[in-house]
Amino acid sequence: ANTNAVVVERAKVLQKFGARNVLVTRGSRGSTLLTEEGNVIHQEPFPLPQGTRVVDETGAGDCYRAAFAVSLMEGRPIKESL
């Protein structure tokens, strides 16, 4: 199961290998960030306007992570960056 607990457990494994902050995108379940301090922050997905449909998800996670990284580099707080 892809529950929050499983996501956090696997993110902790990545931290043991040297990752400080682990951001996991989860499609329609939003995203989960495990910070180096051990905080877990979940971001719900943004709803699409009624009548809108996703045509192609290719690159969506890459774009999300890039925007997150840029936002952090610009000095915004983690929660706002998500």
Protein backbone atom coordinates (compact mmCIF):
# COMPACT_ATOMS: atom_id res chain seq x y z
CA ALA A 1 0.00 0.00 0.00
CA ASN A 2 1.17 3.52 -0.79
CA THR A 3 0.12 5.00 2.55
CA ASN A 4 1.72 8.03 4.17
CA ALA A 5 3.43 5.72 6.66
CA VAL A 6 5.01 3.64 3.87
CA VAL A 7 6.13 6.75 1.98
CA VAL A 8 7.77 8.18 5.12
CA GLU A 9 9.39 4.83 5.94
CA ARG A 10 10.96 4.64 2.49
CA ALA A 11 11.99 8.30 2.59
CA LYS A 12 13.86 7.56 5.84
CA VAL A 13 15.79 4.83 4.00
CA LEU A 14 16.90 7.41 1.43
CA GLN A 15 17.99 9.69 4.25
CA LYS A 16 20.18 6.90 5.62
CA PHE A 17 21.99 6.98 2.26
CA GLY A 18 22.63 10.71 2.58
CA ALA A 19 19.53 12.52 1.31
CA ARG A 20 18.68 15.37 3.65
CA ASN A 21 15.16 16.25 2.52
CA VAL A 22 13.07 13.77 0.55
CA LEU A 23 10.16 15.01 -1.57
CA VAL A 24 7.84 12.30 -2.89
CA THR A 25 5.23 13.15 -5.51
CA ARG A 26 2.18 10.93 -5.27
CA GLY A 27 -0.02 11.90 -8.19
CA SER A 28 -3.63 12.37 -7.14
CA ARG A 29 -2.53 11.94 -3.51
CA GLY A 30 -0.43 15.10 -3.53
CA SER A 31 3.12 15.11 -2.24
CA THR A 32 4.94 14.29 0.98
CA LEU A 33 8.15 15.88 2.22
CA LEU A 34 10.34 14.36 4.93
CA THR A 35 12.69 17.07 6.17
CA GLU A 36 16.15 16.45 7.56
CA GLU A 37 14.74 17.37 11.00
CA GLY A 38 12.24 14.52 10.69
CA ASN A 39 9.18 16.68 10.01
CA VAL A 40 6.59 15.26 7.64
CA ILE A 41 4.72 17.79 5.51
CA HIS A 42 1.92 16.68 3.20
CA GLN A 43 0.64 18.86 0.37
CA GLU A 44 -2.77 18.02 -1.04
CA PRO A 45 -3.06 18.21 -4.83
CA PHE A 46 -4.65 21.29 -6.34
CA PRO A 47 -8.09 20.54 -7.76
CA LEU A 48 -8.65 21.04 -11.46
CA PRO A 49 -11.39 23.43 -12.49
CA GLN A 50 -14.63 21.64 -13.31
CA GLY A 51 -14.69 20.34 -16.87
CA THR A 52 -10.89 20.22 -17.10
CA ARG A 53 -9.05 16.97 -17.69
CA VAL A 54 -5.40 15.97 -17.67
CA VAL A 55 -4.18 15.12 -21.15
CA ASP A 56 -0.56 14.18 -20.42
CA GLU A 57 1.26 13.95 -17.08
CA THR A 58 4.72 13.61 -18.64
CA GLY A 59 7.20 15.76 -16.74
CA ALA A 60 4.72 16.97 -14.12
CA GLY A 61 6.75 15.61 -11.20
CA ASP A 62 9.99 16.99 -12.66
CA CYS A 63 8.43 20.44 -13.02
CA TYR A 64 7.03 20.29 -9.49
CA ARG A 65 10.42 19.40 -7.99
CA ALA A 66 12.18 22.08 -10.04
CA ALA A 67 9.70 24.75 -8.94
CA PHE A 68 10.10 23.56 -5.32
CA ALA A 69 13.90 23.83 -5.54
CA VAL A 70 13.80 27.29 -7.13
CA SER A 71 11.34 28.51 -4.51
CA LEU A 72 13.61 27.31 -1.70
CA MET A 73 16.64 28.93 -3.33
CA GLU A 74 14.70 32.20 -3.48
CA GLY A 75 14.28 31.99 0.31
CA ARG A 76 10.64 31.01 0.59
CA PRO A 77 9.55 28.77 3.48
CA ILE A 78 9.22 25.03 2.79
CA LYS A 79 5.42 24.92 3.17
CA GLU A 80 4.99 27.83 0.75
CA SER A 81 7.41 26.20 -1.69
CA LEU A 82 5.31 23.06 -1.81
